Amino acid sequence: MLFEDDQCIVIRDINPQAPVHFLVIPRKPIPSLDDLSIDDQSLMGHLFLVAKEVAAAEGLSGGYRTVFNCGRDAFQTVPHIHLHVLGGRKMGWPPG
């Protein structure tokens, strides 16, 4: 556990795709981005602010990438929304 509060938890990814790869996971059960509602605006902003703080604590001063996978074609394998944060190496483009 890298971080937790009443809205989310942050853990390392069990299959890291970069030297630093963690997940910001809301406590509220939301299956995917397609299931977000207007009531989730504040929560989603909170996830990004937490991602920024944990990225700084992990030493990602050179930059990092944030990713949401949505649906089978995007390789969403867990039916609970989560924000991937990847860093610690130079990222390529395009990503997929």
C-alpha atoms as a PDB file:
ATOM      1  CA  MET A   1       0.000   0.000   0.000  1.00  0.00           C
ATOM      2  CA  LEU A   2       1.525   3.284  -1.112  1.00  0.00           C
ATOM      3  CA  PHE A   3      -1.377   5.503  -0.022  1.00  0.00           C
ATOM      4  CA  GLU A   4      -4.942   5.323   1.231  1.00  0.00           C
ATOM      5  CA  ASP A   5      -7.675   7.686   2.283  1.00  0.00           C
ATOM      6  CA  ASP A   6     -11.462   7.572   2.483  1.00  0.00           C
ATOM      7  CA  GLN A   7     -11.831   7.813  -1.330  1.00  0.00           C
ATOM      8  CA  CYS A   8      -9.083   5.620  -2.770  1.00  0.00           C
ATOM      9  CA  ILE A   9      -6.118   3.329  -2.289  1.00  0.00           C
ATOM     10  CA  VAL A  10      -2.816   3.187  -4.168  1.00  0.00           C
ATOM     11  CA  ILE A  11      -0.929  -0.064  -4.714  1.00  0.00           C
ATOM     12  CA  ARG A  12       1.891  -1.253  -6.959  1.00  0.00           C
ATOM     13  CA  ASP A  13       0.820  -3.108 -10.097  1.00  0.00           C
ATOM     14  CA  ILE A  14       1.456  -6.866  -9.804  1.00  0.00           C
ATOM     15  CA  ASN A  15       2.544  -6.951 -13.476  1.00  0.00           C
ATOM     16  CA  PRO A  16       4.566  -3.732 -13.834  1.00  0.00           C
ATOM     17  CA  GLN A  17       5.127  -2.337 -17.314  1.00  0.00           C
ATOM     18  CA  ALA A  18       7.667   0.273 -16.160  1.00  0.00           C
ATOM     19  CA  PRO A  19      10.166   0.591 -13.302  1.00  0.00           C
ATOM     20  CA  VAL A  20       7.456   2.461 -11.384  1.00  0.00           C
ATOM     21  CA  HIS A  21       3.892   1.283 -12.009  1.00  0.00           C
ATOM     22  CA  PHE A  22       1.131   1.833  -9.484  1.00  0.00           C
ATOM     23  CA  LEU A  23      -2.656   1.882  -9.502  1.00  0.00           C
ATOM     24  CA  VAL A  24      -4.939   4.516  -8.013  1.00  0.00           C
ATOM     25  CA  ILE A  25      -8.166   2.693  -7.179  1.00  0.00           C
ATOM     26  CA  PRO A  26     -11.352   4.374  -5.962  1.00  0.00           C
ATOM     27  CA  ARG A  27     -13.135   2.745  -3.048  1.00  0.00           C
ATOM     28  CA  LYS A  28     -16.457   3.374  -4.799  1.00  0.00           C
ATOM     29  CA  PRO A  29     -17.250   0.415  -7.061  1.00  0.00           C
ATOM     30  CA  ILE A  30     -17.319   1.707 -10.642  1.00  0.00           C
ATOM     31  CA  PRO A  31     -16.847  -0.974 -13.325  1.00  0.00           C
ATOM     32  CA  SER A  32     -15.323   1.237 -16.066  1.00  0.00           C
ATOM     33  CA  LEU A  33     -15.083   4.751 -17.440  1.00  0.00           C
ATOM     34  CA  ASP A  34     -18.321   4.082 -19.304  1.00  0.00           C
ATOM     35  CA  ASP A  35     -20.078   3.765 -15.942  1.00  0.00           C
ATOM     36  CA  LEU A  36     -19.069   7.179 -14.598  1.00  0.00           C
ATOM     37  CA  SER A  37     -21.796   9.654 -13.729  1.00  0.00           C
ATOM     38  CA  ILE A  38     -21.828  13.383 -13.120  1.00  0.00           C
ATOM     39  CA  ASP A  39     -21.648  12.584  -9.404  1.00  0.00           C
ATOM     40  CA  ASP A  40     -18.160  11.105  -9.914  1.00  0.00           C
ATOM     41  CA  GLN A  41     -16.490  14.335 -11.079  1.00  0.00           C
ATOM     42  CA  SER A  42     -14.949  15.144  -7.722  1.00  0.00           C
ATOM     43  CA  LEU A  43     -13.769  11.584  -7.177  1.00  0.00           C
ATOM     44  CA  MET A  44     -12.047  11.462 -10.563  1.00  0.00           C
ATOM     45  CA  GLY A  45     -10.257  14.732  -9.879  1.00  0.00           C
ATOM     46  CA  HIS A  46      -9.166  13.349  -6.531  1.00  0.00           C
ATOM     47  CA  LEU A  47      -7.660  10.275  -8.217  1.00  0.00           C
ATOM     48  CA  PHE A  48      -5.471  12.485 -10.402  1.00  0.00           C
ATOM     49  CA  LEU A  49      -4.353  14.644  -7.482  1.00  0.00           C
ATOM     50  CA  VAL A  50      -3.420  11.519  -5.524  1.00  0.00           C
ATOM     51  CA  ALA A  51      -1.589  10.178  -8.600  1.00  0.00           C
ATOM     52  CA  LYS A  52       0.436  13.403  -8.763  1.00  0.00           C
ATOM     53  CA  GLU A  53       1.380  13.233  -5.076  1.00  0.00           C
ATOM     54  CA  VAL A  54       2.361   9.556  -5.162  1.00  0.00           C
ATOM     55  CA  ALA A  55       4.324  10.081  -8.408  1.00  0.00           C
ATOM     56  CA  ALA A  56       6.332  12.811  -6.661  1.00  0.00           C
ATOM     57  CA  ALA A  57       6.884  10.584  -3.626  1.00  0.00           C
ATOM     58  CA  GLU A  58       8.100   7.816  -5.981  1.00  0.00           C
ATOM     59  CA  GLY A  59      10.644  10.199  -7.515  1.00  0.00           C
ATOM     60  CA  LEU A  60       9.038  10.550 -10.946  1.00  0.00           C
ATOM     61  CA  SER A  61      10.391  14.068 -11.499  1.00  0.00           C
ATOM     62  CA  GLY A  62      11.181  13.385 -15.181  1.00  0.00           C
ATOM     63  CA  GLY A  63       7.561  12.643 -16.028  1.00  0.00           C
ATOM     64  CA  TYR A  64       5.081   9.801 -15.996  1.00  0.00           C
ATOM     65  CA  ARG A  65       2.103   8.470 -17.916  1.00  0.00           C
ATOM     66  CA  THR A  66      -1.467   8.010 -16.651  1.00  0.00           C
ATOM     67  CA  VAL A  67      -3.781   5.463 -18.275  1.00  0.00           C
ATOM     68  CA  PHE A  68      -7.335   4.200 -17.876  1.00  0.00           C
ATOM     69  CA  ASN A  69      -8.209   1.038 -19.779  1.00  0.00           C
ATOM     70  CA  CYS A  70     -11.882   0.852 -20.741  1.00  0.00           C
ATOM     71  CA  GLY A  71     -13.369  -2.329 -22.142  1.00  0.00           C
ATOM     72  CA  ARG A  72     -12.033  -5.596 -23.548  1.00  0.00           C
ATOM     73  CA  ASP A  73     -10.417  -4.033 -26.623  1.00  0.00           C
ATOM     74  CA  ALA A  74      -8.380  -1.759 -24.348  1.00  0.00           C
ATOM     75  CA  PHE A  75      -7.328  -4.764 -22.236  1.00  0.00           C
ATOM     76  CA  GLN A  76      -9.371  -3.843 -19.164  1.00  0.00           C
ATOM     77  CA  THR A  77      -9.046  -7.105 -17.216  1.00  0.00           C
ATOM     78  CA  VAL A  78     -10.522  -6.008 -13.873  1.00  0.00           C
ATOM     79  CA  PRO A  79     -14.130  -4.733 -13.773  1.00  0.00           C
ATOM     80  CA  HIS A  80     -13.295  -1.905 -11.357  1.00  0.00           C
ATOM     81  CA  ILE A  81     -12.005   1.428 -12.629  1.00  0.00           C
ATOM     82  CA  HIS A  82      -8.375   2.171 -11.763  1.00  0.00           C
ATOM     83  CA  LEU A  83      -5.790   4.685 -12.914  1.00  0.00           C
ATOM     84  CA  HIS A  84      -2.413   3.293 -13.981  1.00  0.00           C
ATOM     85  CA  VAL A  85       0.609   5.515 -13.329  1.00  0.00           C
ATOM     86  CA  LEU A  86       3.803   4.477 -15.113  1.00  0.00           C
ATOM     87  CA  GLY A  87       7.234   6.075 -14.969  1.00  0.00           C
ATOM     88  CA  GLY A  88      10.900   5.645 -14.328  1.00  0.00           C
ATOM     89  CA  ARG A  89      11.781   5.261 -18.016  1.00  0.00           C
ATOM     90  CA  LYS A  90      11.279   7.125 -21.269  1.00  0.00           C
ATOM     91  CA  MET A  91       7.864   6.336 -22.758  1.00  0.00           C
ATOM     92  CA  GLY A  92       7.297   5.606 -26.428  1.00  0.00           C
ATOM     93  CA  TRP A  93       4.578   6.988 -28.698  1.00  0.00           C
ATOM     94  CA  PRO A  94       2.142   5.847 -29.856  1.00  0.00           C
ATOM     95  CA  PRO A  95       1.507   3.869 -26.694  1.00  0.00           C
ATOM     96  CA  GLY A  96      -0.675   1.059 -28.032  1.00  0.00           C
END
